[in-house]
Amino acid sequence: SPSALGRLALLPLRTLPAANPGLGGSQRVSVNVVVPVYNEERSLPLAVANLSSLLVSLPYESTITIVDNGSTDNTSEVAASLCKASPTRVNLVQLSEKGRGLALKAAWQGDESDVQCYTDVDLSAGLTRLPEMVESVASGEVDCAIGSRRVRGASVKGRRPGRGLMSLCYSL
């Protein structure tokens, strides 16, 4: 029901300057960014490097949680090596089943971060609005902030033309 969602911010994903986080005085806001993956051994290192690069520049206590949904390639091994090598704290959760919802539930259950969010491994929606979304949630202005490809003014990079139609069908 709409009332269960509380206050909701729906922001277009487009290239904008990062918001000035200005959060919480002396207390650092903790953020957990979940990246669900399935057979992503090739794309995972660059995704984690790009995400980590953004997160270390922000005034948050940041964690990246990679959730491997039963990959049959070397994704788990690659993810384990990223846990050791990244400048940002990286966790690995391994599941035997596929499913984004299952991945998010596994990552967020018991997580005590102030703000929990997720992104696809291809980072096609971009991360420029992440600080603004985190600030909106952490300040209590909204309970949930959603970046959407379908909001006026949104732009998505690096996606094949037919992918938008597939995403739309998936959402129905």
C-alpha atoms as a PDB file:
ATOM      1  CA  SER A   1       0.000   0.000   0.000  1.00  0.00           C
ATOM      2  CA  PRO A   2       1.218   3.568  -0.608  1.00  0.00           C
ATOM      3  CA  SER A   3       1.170   4.391   3.106  1.00  0.00           C
ATOM      4  CA  ALA A   4       3.626   1.553   3.778  1.00  0.00           C
ATOM      5  CA  LEU A   5       6.173   3.325   1.590  1.00  0.00           C
ATOM      6  CA  GLY A   6       6.245   6.440   3.733  1.00  0.00           C
ATOM      7  CA  ARG A   7       7.796   9.531   2.175  1.00  0.00           C
ATOM      8  CA  LEU A   8       9.254   8.702  -1.221  1.00  0.00           C
ATOM      9  CA  ALA A   9      11.601  10.630  -3.514  1.00  0.00           C
ATOM     10  CA  LEU A  10      11.690   9.623  -7.157  1.00  0.00           C
ATOM     11  CA  LEU A  11      14.707  11.185  -8.818  1.00  0.00           C
ATOM     12  CA  PRO A  12      15.666  11.111 -12.497  1.00  0.00           C
ATOM     13  CA  LEU A  13      19.011   9.459 -13.220  1.00  0.00           C
ATOM     14  CA  ARG A  14      20.932  12.025 -15.218  1.00  0.00           C
ATOM     15  CA  THR A  15      24.308  13.657 -15.066  1.00  0.00           C
ATOM     16  CA  LEU A  16      24.237  16.415 -12.475  1.00  0.00           C
ATOM     17  CA  PRO A  17      26.883  17.748 -10.126  1.00  0.00           C
ATOM     18  CA  ALA A  18      27.030  15.704  -6.929  1.00  0.00           C
ATOM     19  CA  ALA A  19      24.989  17.182  -4.122  1.00  0.00           C
ATOM     20  CA  ASN A  20      26.779  18.567  -1.086  1.00  0.00           C
ATOM     21  CA  PRO A  21      26.113  15.784   1.429  1.00  0.00           C
ATOM     22  CA  GLY A  22      26.477  17.945   4.572  1.00  0.00           C
ATOM     23  CA  LEU A  23      25.186  15.099   6.753  1.00  0.00           C
ATOM     24  CA  GLY A  24      24.951  14.591  10.458  1.00  0.00           C
ATOM     25  CA  GLY A  25      27.581  16.839  12.055  1.00  0.00           C
ATOM     26  CA  SER A  26      30.139  14.637  13.807  1.00  0.00           C
ATOM     27  CA  GLN A  27      28.357  11.343  13.095  1.00  0.00           C
ATOM     28  CA  ARG A  28      29.225   9.738   9.763  1.00  0.00           C
ATOM     29  CA  VAL A  29      26.360   8.211   7.855  1.00  0.00           C
ATOM     30  CA  SER A  30      26.886   4.549   7.006  1.00  0.00           C
ATOM     31  CA  VAL A  31      25.934   3.394   3.517  1.00  0.00           C
ATOM     32  CA  ASN A  32      25.754  -0.160   2.170  1.00  0.00           C
ATOM     33  CA  VAL A  33      25.683  -0.423  -1.638  1.00  0.00           C
ATOM     34  CA  VAL A  34      24.658  -3.901  -2.773  1.00  0.00           C
ATOM     35  CA  VAL A  35      25.744  -5.204  -6.177  1.00  0.00           C
ATOM     36  CA  PRO A  36      23.884  -8.420  -7.114  1.00  0.00           C
ATOM     37  CA  VAL A  37      25.866 -10.459  -9.661  1.00  0.00           C
ATOM     38  CA  TYR A  38      25.536 -13.598 -11.735  1.00  0.00           C
ATOM     39  CA  ASN A  39      28.464 -14.677 -13.934  1.00  0.00           C
ATOM     40  CA  GLU A  40      30.073 -11.222 -13.885  1.00  0.00           C
ATOM     41  CA  GLU A  41      33.752 -12.139 -13.456  1.00  0.00           C
ATOM     42  CA  ARG A  42      34.777  -9.775 -16.266  1.00  0.00           C
ATOM     43  CA  SER A  43      32.715  -6.708 -15.383  1.00  0.00           C
ATOM     44  CA  LEU A  44      32.885  -6.878 -11.583  1.00  0.00           C
ATOM     45  CA  PRO A  45      36.418  -5.458 -11.056  1.00  0.00           C
ATOM     46  CA  LEU A  46      35.704  -2.281 -13.039  1.00  0.00           C
ATOM     47  CA  ALA A  47      32.294  -1.826 -11.404  1.00  0.00           C
ATOM     48  CA  VAL A  48      33.753  -2.136  -7.901  1.00  0.00           C
ATOM     49  CA  ALA A  49      36.649   0.187  -8.811  1.00  0.00           C
ATOM     50  CA  ASN A  50      34.251   2.848 -10.121  1.00  0.00           C
ATOM     51  CA  LEU A  51      31.869   2.507  -7.185  1.00  0.00           C
ATOM     52  CA  SER A  52      34.734   2.514  -4.695  1.00  0.00           C
ATOM     53  CA  SER A  53      36.256   5.594  -6.320  1.00  0.00           C
ATOM     54  CA  LEU A  54      33.014   7.497  -5.767  1.00  0.00           C
ATOM     55  CA  LEU A  55      32.427   6.206  -2.239  1.00  0.00           C
ATOM     56  CA  VAL A  56      35.908   7.092  -0.914  1.00  0.00           C
ATOM     57  CA  SER A  57      35.342  10.686  -2.076  1.00  0.00           C
ATOM     58  CA  LEU A  58      32.162  11.017  -0.009  1.00  0.00           C
ATOM     59  CA  PRO A  59      31.857  11.626   3.755  1.00  0.00           C
ATOM     60  CA  TYR A  60      30.189   8.274   4.404  1.00  0.00           C
ATOM     61  CA  GLU A  61      31.233   5.106   6.147  1.00  0.00           C
ATOM     62  CA  SER A  62      30.776   3.009   3.017  1.00  0.00           C
ATOM     63  CA  THR A  63      30.453  -0.693   2.338  1.00  0.00           C
ATOM     64  CA  ILE A  64      30.028  -2.452  -0.981  1.00  0.00           C
ATOM     65  CA  THR A  65      28.292  -5.811  -0.665  1.00  0.00           C
ATOM     66  CA  ILE A  66      28.650  -8.117  -3.639  1.00  0.00           C
ATOM     67  CA  VAL A  67      25.967 -10.816  -3.702  1.00  0.00           C
ATOM     68  CA  ASP A  68      26.874 -13.728  -5.966  1.00  0.00           C
ATOM     69  CA  ASN A  69      23.662 -15.436  -7.091  1.00  0.00           C
ATOM     70  CA  GLY A  70      25.130 -18.886  -7.753  1.00  0.00           C
ATOM     71  CA  SER A  71      27.515 -17.935 -10.546  1.00  0.00           C
ATOM     72  CA  THR A  72      29.024 -20.777 -12.544  1.00  0.00           C
ATOM     73  CA  ASP A  73      32.113 -18.830 -13.635  1.00  0.00           C
ATOM     74  CA  ASN A  74      34.850 -17.327 -11.414  1.00  0.00           C
ATOM     75  CA  THR A  75      32.732 -14.461 -10.076  1.00  0.00           C
ATOM     76  CA  SER A  76      33.080 -15.591  -6.446  1.00  0.00           C
ATOM     77  CA  GLU A  77      36.864 -15.798  -6.686  1.00  0.00           C
ATOM     78  CA  VAL A  78      37.068 -12.375  -8.331  1.00  0.00           C
ATOM     79  CA  ALA A  79      34.744 -10.921  -5.690  1.00  0.00           C
ATOM     80  CA  ALA A  80      36.809 -12.480  -2.882  1.00  0.00           C
ATOM     81  CA  SER A  81      39.963 -10.846  -4.261  1.00  0.00           C
ATOM     82  CA  LEU A  82      38.168  -7.481  -4.460  1.00  0.00           C
ATOM     83  CA  CYS A  83      37.229  -7.828  -0.778  1.00  0.00           C
ATOM     84  CA  LYS A  84      40.939  -7.784   0.031  1.00  0.00           C
ATOM     85  CA  ALA A  85      42.147  -5.197  -2.486  1.00  0.00           C
ATOM     86  CA  SER A  86      39.543  -2.416  -2.557  1.00  0.00           C
ATOM     87  CA  PRO A  87      40.077   0.887  -0.705  1.00  0.00           C
ATOM     88  CA  THR A  88      36.414   0.617   0.308  1.00  0.00           C
ATOM     89  CA  ARG A  89      35.139  -2.103   2.632  1.00  0.00           C
ATOM     90  CA  VAL A  90      33.803  -4.897   0.399  1.00  0.00           C
ATOM     91  CA  ASN A  91      31.767  -7.876   1.616  1.00  0.00           C
ATOM     92  CA  LEU A  92      30.827 -10.990  -0.315  1.00  0.00           C
ATOM     93  CA  VAL A  93      27.593 -12.909   0.162  1.00  0.00           C
ATOM     94  CA  GLN A  94      27.310 -16.176  -1.752  1.00  0.00           C
ATOM     95  CA  LEU A  95      23.953 -17.691  -2.618  1.00  0.00           C
ATOM     96  CA  SER A  96      23.148 -20.886  -4.467  1.00  0.00           C
ATOM     97  CA  GLU A  97      20.054 -19.433  -6.129  1.00  0.00           C
ATOM     98  CA  LYS A  98      19.442 -16.605  -8.594  1.00  0.00           C
ATOM     99  CA  GLY A  99      17.204 -13.617  -7.986  1.00  0.00           C
ATOM    100  CA  ARG A 100      17.647  -9.911  -7.310  1.00  0.00           C
ATOM    101  CA  GLY A 101      15.083  -9.924  -4.497  1.00  0.00           C
ATOM    102  CA  LEU A 102      16.820 -12.854  -2.824  1.00  0.00           C
ATOM    103  CA  ALA A 103      20.167 -11.086  -3.182  1.00  0.00           C
ATOM    104  CA  LEU A 104      18.876  -7.874  -1.618  1.00  0.00           C
ATOM    105  CA  LYS A 105      17.163  -9.709   1.220  1.00  0.00           C
ATOM    106  CA  ALA A 106      20.351 -11.653   1.988  1.00  0.00           C
ATOM    107  CA  ALA A 107      22.473  -8.491   1.947  1.00  0.00           C
ATOM    108  CA  TRP A 108      20.140  -6.245   3.908  1.00  0.00           C
ATOM    109  CA  GLN A 109      18.866  -8.692   6.528  1.00  0.00           C
ATOM    110  CA  GLY A 110      20.649  -7.777   9.713  1.00  0.00           C
ATOM    111  CA  ASP A 111      22.580  -4.921   8.070  1.00  0.00           C
ATOM    112  CA  GLU A 112      22.705  -1.917  10.372  1.00  0.00           C
ATOM    113  CA  SER A 113      23.741   0.720   7.844  1.00  0.00           C
ATOM    114  CA  ASP A 114      21.907   4.043   7.998  1.00  0.00           C
ATOM    115  CA  VAL A 115      21.192   3.865   4.265  1.00  0.00           C
ATOM    116  CA  GLN A 116      20.909   0.740   2.132  1.00  0.00           C
ATOM    117  CA  CYS A 117      20.905   0.873  -1.632  1.00  0.00           C
ATOM    118  CA  TYR A 118      21.772  -1.198  -4.656  1.00  0.00           C
ATOM    119  CA  THR A 119      22.954  -0.879  -8.217  1.00  0.00           C
ATOM    120  CA  ASP A 120      23.346  -3.216 -11.135  1.00  0.00           C
ATOM    121  CA  VAL A 121      26.899  -4.293 -11.902  1.00  0.00           C
ATOM    122  CA  ASP A 122      26.943  -2.460 -15.243  1.00  0.00           C
ATOM    123  CA  LEU A 123      26.370   0.874 -13.448  1.00  0.00           C
ATOM    124  CA  SER A 124      24.403   1.925 -16.552  1.00  0.00           C
ATOM    125  CA  ALA A 125      22.196   4.269 -14.544  1.00  0.00           C
ATOM    126  CA  GLY A 126      25.202   6.173 -13.244  1.00  0.00           C
ATOM    127  CA  LEU A 127      26.083   7.190  -9.711  1.00  0.00           C
ATOM    128  CA  THR A 128      26.032  10.971  -9.868  1.00  0.00           C
ATOM    129  CA  ARG A 129      22.765  11.248  -7.927  1.00  0.00           C
ATOM    130  CA  LEU A 130      23.782   8.774  -5.199  1.00  0.00           C
ATOM    131  CA  PRO A 131      24.975  11.471  -2.739  1.00  0.00           C
ATOM    132  CA  GLU A 132      21.696  13.382  -3.105  1.00  0.00           C
ATOM    133  CA  MET A 133      19.674  10.216  -2.572  1.00  0.00           C
ATOM    134  CA  VAL A 134      21.712   9.206   0.490  1.00  0.00           C
ATOM    135  CA  GLU A 135      21.354  12.686   1.967  1.00  0.00           C
ATOM    136  CA  SER A 136      17.583  12.667   1.447  1.00  0.00           C
ATOM    137  CA  VAL A 137      17.198   9.367   3.287  1.00  0.00           C
ATOM    138  CA  ALA A 138      19.804   9.997   6.010  1.00  0.00           C
ATOM    139  CA  SER A 139      18.348  13.405   6.884  1.00  0.00           C
ATOM    140  CA  GLY A 140      14.879  11.925   7.317  1.00  0.00           C
ATOM    141  CA  GLU A 141      13.509  14.057   4.483  1.00  0.00           C
ATOM    142  CA  VAL A 142      12.284  10.844   2.811  1.00  0.00           C
ATOM    143  CA  ASP A 143      12.096   7.196   3.827  1.00  0.00           C
ATOM    144  CA  CYS A 144      12.997   5.854   0.402  1.00  0.00           C
ATOM    145  CA  ALA A 145      14.710   7.378  -2.638  1.00  0.00           C
ATOM    146  CA  ILE A 146      14.510   5.640  -6.002  1.00  0.00           C
ATOM    147  CA  GLY A 147      16.560   6.512  -9.055  1.00  0.00           C
ATOM    148  CA  SER A 148      14.521   5.710 -12.146  1.00  0.00           C
ATOM    149  CA  ARG A 149      15.307   5.459 -15.822  1.00  0.00           C
ATOM    150  CA  ARG A 150      11.683   6.309 -16.575  1.00  0.00           C
ATOM    151  CA  VAL A 151      11.495   9.763 -15.004  1.00  0.00           C
ATOM    152  CA  ARG A 152      11.546  12.758 -17.323  1.00  0.00           C
ATOM    153  CA  GLY A 153      15.124  13.971 -17.747  1.00  0.00           C
ATOM    154  CA  ALA A 154      16.711  10.590 -17.024  1.00  0.00           C
ATOM    155  CA  SER A 155      19.517   9.269 -19.191  1.00  0.00           C
ATOM    156  CA  VAL A 156      21.153   5.878 -19.270  1.00  0.00           C
ATOM    157  CA  LYS A 157      24.530   5.145 -20.829  1.00  0.00           C
ATOM    158  CA  GLY A 158      25.945   2.004 -22.376  1.00  0.00           C
ATOM    159  CA  ARG A 159      22.736   0.025 -22.854  1.00  0.00           C
ATOM    160  CA  ARG A 160      21.752  -1.741 -26.049  1.00  0.00           C
ATOM    161  CA  PRO A 161      18.615  -0.317 -27.709  1.00  0.00           C
ATOM    162  CA  GLY A 162      16.482  -3.445 -27.101  1.00  0.00           C
ATOM    163  CA  ARG A 163      17.433  -3.548 -23.423  1.00  0.00           C
ATOM    164  CA  GLY A 164      14.973  -0.784 -22.541  1.00  0.00           C
ATOM    165  CA  LEU A 165      12.073  -2.805 -23.945  1.00  0.00           C
ATOM    166  CA  MET A 166      13.238  -5.897 -22.031  1.00  0.00           C
ATOM    167  CA  SER A 167      13.410  -3.874 -18.796  1.00  0.00           C
ATOM    168  CA  LEU A 168       9.937  -2.499 -19.359  1.00  0.00           C
ATOM    169  CA  CYS A 169       8.523  -6.005 -19.905  1.00  0.00           C
ATOM    170  CA  TYR A 170      10.371  -7.241 -16.807  1.00  0.00           C
ATOM    171  CA  SER A 171       8.758  -4.490 -14.736  1.00  0.00           C
ATOM    172  CA  LEU A 172       5.199  -5.383 -15.753  1.00  0.00           C
END
